Amino acid sequence: MRSTASRAKSITTSYAKSVTGGILIAENIHKTRFSSGRIVYLLDDGIMYSRYFNRPIRIRGISGSLVWTSASGGLSLVLPALEMGPAMDDILAGCGAVQVTVEIDTLGYLLVTREDGALIRCDPGHGAGVSPFAKDATIEYGSVPIRLVNENRVSHLTFDGYTASGRLLDAKFAEIMTNGESRRDLFIAGEPVVEFQKSLTAGSPRYLGRFTAEGTRWETRLGSHENEIVRINHCFLRDKLLIILGNNNQSQTCAIAISVGTGKVQWEKRVE
């Protein structure tokens, strides 16, 4: 199954969230004749665990170290190595609950609605009651207006009206995903992070730059060779790391970790 992912017609990401220890990702791999799925747990140090499925997959929720999937029978996987875990049906049987509907709340409990409308909270016993998500990093915005002034795909970054960058092509403020399911412009200690290109040619690599009112603190080309990112999909702020998920020119998912302080690449790899 893993070898066929490189021959995919397209890959779509249905789930990408920051959890304790790393990033949890669910992707569906669409081929000419059929589709498959995979769940990937990418740790902050670059270690990656994967589980492949012979049909599209999605993540329903998390209960501590259990990842609930859409596979039949309520299959779960156990972090970090994504080993097979208990089925949701078995957990519910242990709680004495006959389900009509089941939801996973933000603390990992199974909320079961019975036929009579009663609501039962079931503890799966794998850390439920403690939120599995990493805390959102503190984001500080600048005290002066910071804008990207754009004209015909060419931008300049300004601080309070004063230009602080050279030409930035196809530029936009980098965005991070918060645990509240929203995107926010990324500022680190009040300094904006911008994604851009150095060429308007289709398929050109993307860059990230961190800027101050005096100019560029750092800029980084996102990946090299087969890991070169030409489209950014998600950014996650992880303590002293910024982890970027994106696509290369073959539409394959790549991940790159860079230091928020220096912009240096810590590791890069294909997600597989």
Protein backbone atom coordinates (compact mmCIF):
# COMPACT_ATOMS: atom_id res chain seq x y z
CA MET A 1 0.00 0.00 0.00
CA ARG A 2 2.78 2.43 0.87
CA SER A 3 4.47 2.01 -2.53
CA THR A 4 1.29 2.95 -4.37
CA ALA A 5 1.05 6.31 -2.59
CA SER A 6 3.78 7.65 -4.87
CA ARG A 7 1.52 6.87 -7.87
CA ALA A 8 -1.49 8.70 -6.45
CA LYS A 9 -3.55 10.96 -8.69
CA SER A 10 -4.15 13.26 -5.71
CA ILE A 11 -3.79 13.30 -1.92
CA THR A 12 -6.18 15.20 0.33
CA THR A 13 -5.60 15.99 4.00
CA SER A 14 -8.77 15.53 6.05
CA TYR A 15 -7.21 16.06 9.49
CA ALA A 16 -4.07 17.81 10.74
CA LYS A 17 -3.82 18.83 14.39
CA SER A 18 -1.19 19.57 16.98
CA VAL A 19 -1.32 17.01 19.79
CA THR A 20 0.97 16.18 22.68
CA GLY A 21 4.32 15.22 21.20
CA GLY A 22 3.70 16.04 17.55
CA ILE A 23 1.28 16.40 14.65
CA LEU A 24 -1.52 13.92 13.89
CA ILE A 25 -2.49 13.71 10.22
CA ALA A 26 -5.13 11.80 8.22
CA GLU A 27 -4.88 11.72 4.42
CA ASN A 28 -6.84 10.06 1.62
CA ILE A 29 -4.93 8.85 -1.42
CA HIS A 30 -6.93 8.91 -4.63
CA LYS A 31 -5.81 6.72 -7.52
CA THR A 32 -7.30 5.94 -10.91
CA ARG A 33 -9.25 2.85 -9.85
CA PHE A 34 -9.62 3.14 -6.07
CA SER A 35 -8.83 5.25 -3.02
CA SER A 36 -7.02 4.42 0.20
CA GLY A 37 -6.12 6.24 3.39
CA ARG A 38 -3.38 6.69 5.95
CA ILE A 39 -2.96 8.10 9.42
CA VAL A 40 0.42 9.57 10.33
CA TYR A 41 1.82 10.65 13.70
CA LEU A 42 4.78 12.98 13.12
CA LEU A 43 6.81 13.67 16.26
CA ASP A 44 8.61 16.92 16.96
CA ASP A 45 12.00 15.22 16.47
CA GLY A 46 11.01 14.01 12.98
CA ILE A 47 10.24 10.39 13.88
CA MET A 48 7.16 9.29 11.93
CA TYR A 49 4.65 6.47 12.47
CA SER A 50 2.13 5.52 9.76
CA ARG A 51 -0.87 3.23 9.40
CA TYR A 52 -2.38 2.53 5.96
CA PHE A 53 -5.96 1.54 5.11
CA ASN A 54 -7.45 0.04 1.93
CA ARG A 55 -10.17 2.68 1.85
CA PRO A 56 -10.52 6.40 2.68
CA ILE A 57 -10.16 7.13 6.39
CA ARG A 58 -10.92 9.99 8.75
CA ILE A 59 -10.25 10.67 12.43
CA ARG A 60 -13.36 10.96 14.59
CA GLY A 61 -11.64 12.14 17.76
CA ILE A 62 -9.03 11.39 20.43
CA SER A 63 -9.30 9.86 23.89
CA GLY A 64 -5.95 10.34 25.57
CA SER A 65 -3.64 7.95 23.70
CA LEU A 66 -6.49 6.48 21.60
CA VAL A 67 -7.20 7.81 18.11
CA TRP A 68 -10.72 6.94 16.97
CA THR A 69 -11.07 6.29 13.24
CA SER A 70 -13.96 5.95 10.83
CA ALA A 71 -13.10 2.31 10.10
CA SER A 72 -15.88 -0.23 10.67
CA GLY A 73 -16.49 -1.29 14.26
CA GLY A 74 -15.04 1.95 15.64
CA LEU A 75 -11.40 0.95 15.23
CA SER A 76 -8.91 2.84 17.39
CA LEU A 77 -5.15 3.27 17.16
CA VAL A 78 -2.81 3.76 20.11
CA LEU A 79 -0.25 6.58 20.11
CA PRO A 80 2.61 6.91 19.52
CA ALA A 81 3.24 3.91 17.23
CA LEU A 82 -0.37 3.71 15.89
CA GLU A 83 -0.76 0.12 17.05
CA MET A 84 -4.23 -1.43 16.90
CA GLY A 85 -6.36 -0.45 19.90
CA PRO A 86 -9.76 -1.50 21.27
CA ALA A 87 -12.89 -1.17 19.16
CA MET A 88 -15.40 1.46 20.23
CA ASP A 89 -18.14 -1.19 20.38
CA ASP A 90 -16.16 -3.11 23.01
CA ILE A 91 -15.54 0.03 25.08
CA LEU A 92 -19.24 0.89 25.00
CA ALA A 93 -20.20 -2.66 25.99
CA GLY A 94 -17.98 -2.29 29.06
CA CYS A 95 -19.86 0.89 29.96
CA GLY A 96 -23.21 -0.90 29.61
CA ALA A 97 -24.28 1.53 26.92
CA VAL A 98 -26.34 0.67 23.86
CA GLN A 99 -25.70 3.47 21.41
CA VAL A 100 -27.87 5.40 19.06
CA THR A 101 -25.22 8.04 18.46
CA VAL A 102 -21.72 8.53 19.86
CA GLU A 103 -19.59 11.68 19.99
CA ILE A 104 -16.10 12.22 21.37
CA ASP A 105 -15.88 15.33 23.52
CA THR A 106 -12.82 17.58 23.83
CA LEU A 107 -11.64 15.70 26.93
CA GLY A 108 -11.81 12.32 25.24
CA TYR A 109 -14.98 10.90 26.82
CA LEU A 110 -17.48 9.01 24.67
CA LEU A 111 -20.86 10.74 24.87
CA VAL A 112 -23.48 8.08 24.15
CA THR A 113 -27.09 8.93 23.35
CA ARG A 114 -29.41 6.01 24.11
CA GLU A 115 -32.77 5.21 22.51
CA ASP A 116 -34.60 6.92 25.39
CA GLY A 117 -32.59 10.09 24.85
CA ALA A 118 -30.46 9.65 27.97
CA LEU A 119 -26.84 10.77 27.68
CA ILE A 120 -24.10 8.55 29.10
CA ARG A 121 -20.47 9.60 29.47
CA CYS A 122 -18.13 6.65 28.97
CA ASP A 123 -14.45 6.71 29.95
CA PRO A 124 -12.35 4.65 27.47
CA GLY A 125 -9.61 4.32 30.10
CA HIS A 126 -6.71 5.58 27.99
CA GLY A 127 -6.27 9.03 29.44
CA ALA A 128 -9.77 10.44 28.95
CA GLY A 129 -10.41 13.45 31.13
CA VAL A 130 -7.12 15.09 30.16
CA SER A 131 -7.07 17.09 26.95
CA PRO A 132 -4.60 15.48 24.51
CA PHE A 133 -3.98 18.69 22.63
CA ALA A 134 -0.89 20.78 23.08
CA LYS A 135 -1.61 24.25 24.39
CA ASP A 136 -1.78 26.99 21.81
CA ALA A 137 1.47 28.93 21.79
CA THR A 138 1.24 32.54 22.88
CA ILE A 139 1.06 34.83 19.87
CA GLU A 140 2.00 38.47 20.37
CA TYR A 141 0.97 41.01 17.79
CA GLY A 142 3.02 44.06 16.92
CA SER A 143 2.27 47.40 18.52
CA VAL A 144 2.40 49.21 15.15
CA PRO A 145 0.39 48.50 11.98
CA ILE A 146 2.08 45.79 9.91
CA ARG A 147 0.86 45.31 6.36
CA LEU A 148 1.71 43.55 3.13
CA VAL A 149 1.35 46.11 0.36
CA ASN A 150 0.60 44.22 -2.85
CA GLU A 151 0.63 45.24 -6.49
CA ASN A 152 0.51 42.70 -9.35
CA ARG A 153 1.72 39.78 -7.18
CA VAL A 154 4.64 41.82 -5.86
CA SER A 155 4.50 42.76 -2.17
CA HIS A 156 6.48 44.77 0.36
CA LEU A 157 6.13 44.41 4.12
CA THR A 158 5.63 47.69 5.96
CA PHE A 159 5.83 48.61 9.64
CA ASP A 160 3.80 51.73 10.42
CA GLY A 161 4.08 52.73 6.77
CA TYR A 162 7.86 52.20 6.52
CA THR A 163 9.10 49.46 4.16
CA ALA A 164 10.92 46.65 5.98
CA SER A 165 11.46 44.13 3.18
CA GLY A 166 12.57 43.78 -0.40
CA ARG A 167 10.26 42.45 -3.09
CA LEU A 168 8.20 39.45 -1.93
CA LEU A 169 6.45 37.54 -4.73
CA ASP A 170 3.02 35.92 -4.20
CA ALA A 171 3.38 36.78 -0.52
CA LYS A 172 0.94 36.30 2.36
CA PHE A 173 1.19 36.20 6.12
CA ALA A 174 1.92 32.68 7.34
CA GLU A 175 -1.01 31.16 9.24
CA ILE A 176 -1.05 28.65 12.04
CA MET A 177 -3.84 26.30 13.02
CA THR A 178 -5.12 26.76 16.56
CA ASN A 179 -6.83 24.07 18.58
CA GLY A 180 -10.00 26.08 18.24
CA GLU A 181 -10.09 25.04 14.56
CA SER A 182 -9.24 28.49 13.27
CA ARG A 183 -6.34 30.04 11.39
CA ARG A 184 -4.37 32.99 12.73
CA ASP A 185 -1.66 35.11 11.19
CA LEU A 186 1.64 34.05 12.71
CA PHE A 187 3.59 36.57 14.78
CA ILE A 188 6.55 35.49 16.94
CA ALA A 189 7.38 37.96 19.72
CA GLY A 190 5.53 40.60 17.74
CA GLU A 191 7.42 39.86 14.50
CA PRO A 192 5.43 38.68 11.46
CA VAL A 193 6.23 35.50 9.54
CA VAL A 194 5.55 35.75 5.80
CA GLU A 195 5.47 33.06 3.11
CA PHE A 196 6.61 34.05 -0.38
CA GLN A 197 8.44 33.05 -3.56
CA LYS A 198 11.47 34.42 -5.39
CA SER A 199 10.10 33.59 -8.82
CA LEU A 200 6.63 33.82 -10.35
CA THR A 201 7.27 30.68 -12.41
CA ALA A 202 4.69 27.97 -11.68
CA GLY A 203 5.99 25.39 -9.21
CA SER A 204 8.61 27.68 -7.68
CA PRO A 205 9.66 26.85 -4.09
CA ARG A 206 8.10 28.67 -1.16
CA TYR A 207 10.07 30.56 1.46
CA LEU A 208 9.31 31.67 5.00
CA GLY A 209 10.71 34.89 6.40
CA ARG A 210 10.59 36.44 9.86
CA PHE A 211 10.79 40.23 9.79
CA THR A 212 11.47 43.13 12.13
CA ALA A 213 10.98 46.85 11.52
CA GLU A 214 14.69 46.97 10.58
CA GLY A 215 14.44 44.20 7.98
CA THR A 216 14.77 40.42 7.66
CA ARG A 217 15.59 38.45 10.80
CA TRP A 218 15.77 35.22 8.79
CA GLU A 219 14.45 33.66 5.62
CA THR A 220 14.34 29.96 4.79
CA ARG A 221 13.72 27.99 1.62
CA LEU A 222 11.23 25.26 2.45
CA GLY A 223 12.89 21.99 1.62
CA SER A 224 15.21 20.63 -1.02
CA HIS A 225 15.06 18.09 -3.83
CA GLU A 226 11.96 15.84 -3.43
CA ASN A 227 11.03 17.59 -0.17
CA GLU A 228 10.82 21.05 -1.72
CA ILE A 229 7.47 22.62 -0.80
CA VAL A 230 5.68 24.61 -3.50
CA ARG A 231 2.40 24.98 -1.60
CA ILE A 232 1.96 25.38 2.16
CA ASN A 233 -1.11 23.73 3.66
CA HIS A 234 -0.61 23.93 7.43
CA CYS A 235 1.84 25.52 9.90
CA PHE A 236 2.13 24.46 13.54
CA LEU A 237 4.01 26.34 16.24
CA ARG A 238 5.62 23.74 18.52
CA ASP A 239 7.61 25.38 21.33
CA LYS A 240 10.86 26.35 19.56
CA LEU A 241 9.92 24.71 16.26
CA LEU A 242 7.71 25.69 13.37
CA ILE A 243 6.48 22.59 11.52
CA ILE A 244 5.18 23.13 8.00
CA LEU A 245 3.08 20.67 5.99
CA GLY A 246 2.84 21.24 2.27
CA ASN A 247 3.04 19.71 -1.19
CA ASN A 248 5.96 19.24 -3.54
CA ASN A 249 5.70 19.47 -7.33
CA GLN A 250 4.39 15.89 -7.44
CA SER A 251 1.53 16.82 -5.04
CA GLN A 252 3.08 14.62 -2.34
CA THR A 253 2.87 15.77 1.28
CA CYS A 254 6.15 16.94 2.82
CA ALA A 255 6.98 18.15 6.32
CA ILE A 256 9.72 20.56 7.36
CA ALA A 257 10.71 21.71 10.84
CA ILE A 258 12.56 25.00 11.29
CA SER A 259 13.82 26.86 14.34
CA VAL A 260 11.65 29.87 15.19
CA GLY A 261 14.75 31.66 16.50
CA THR A 262 17.17 31.15 13.61
CA GLY A 263 15.07 29.85 10.73
CA LYS A 264 17.46 26.92 10.27
CA VAL A 265 15.94 23.68 8.96
CA GLN A 266 16.01 21.00 11.68
CA TRP A 267 14.66 18.19 9.50
CA GLU A 268 12.65 17.63 6.32
CA LYS A 269 10.89 14.54 4.97
CA ARG A 270 8.10 13.13 2.88
CA VAL A 271 4.99 12.13 4.80
CA GLU A 272 4.44 8.44 4.05
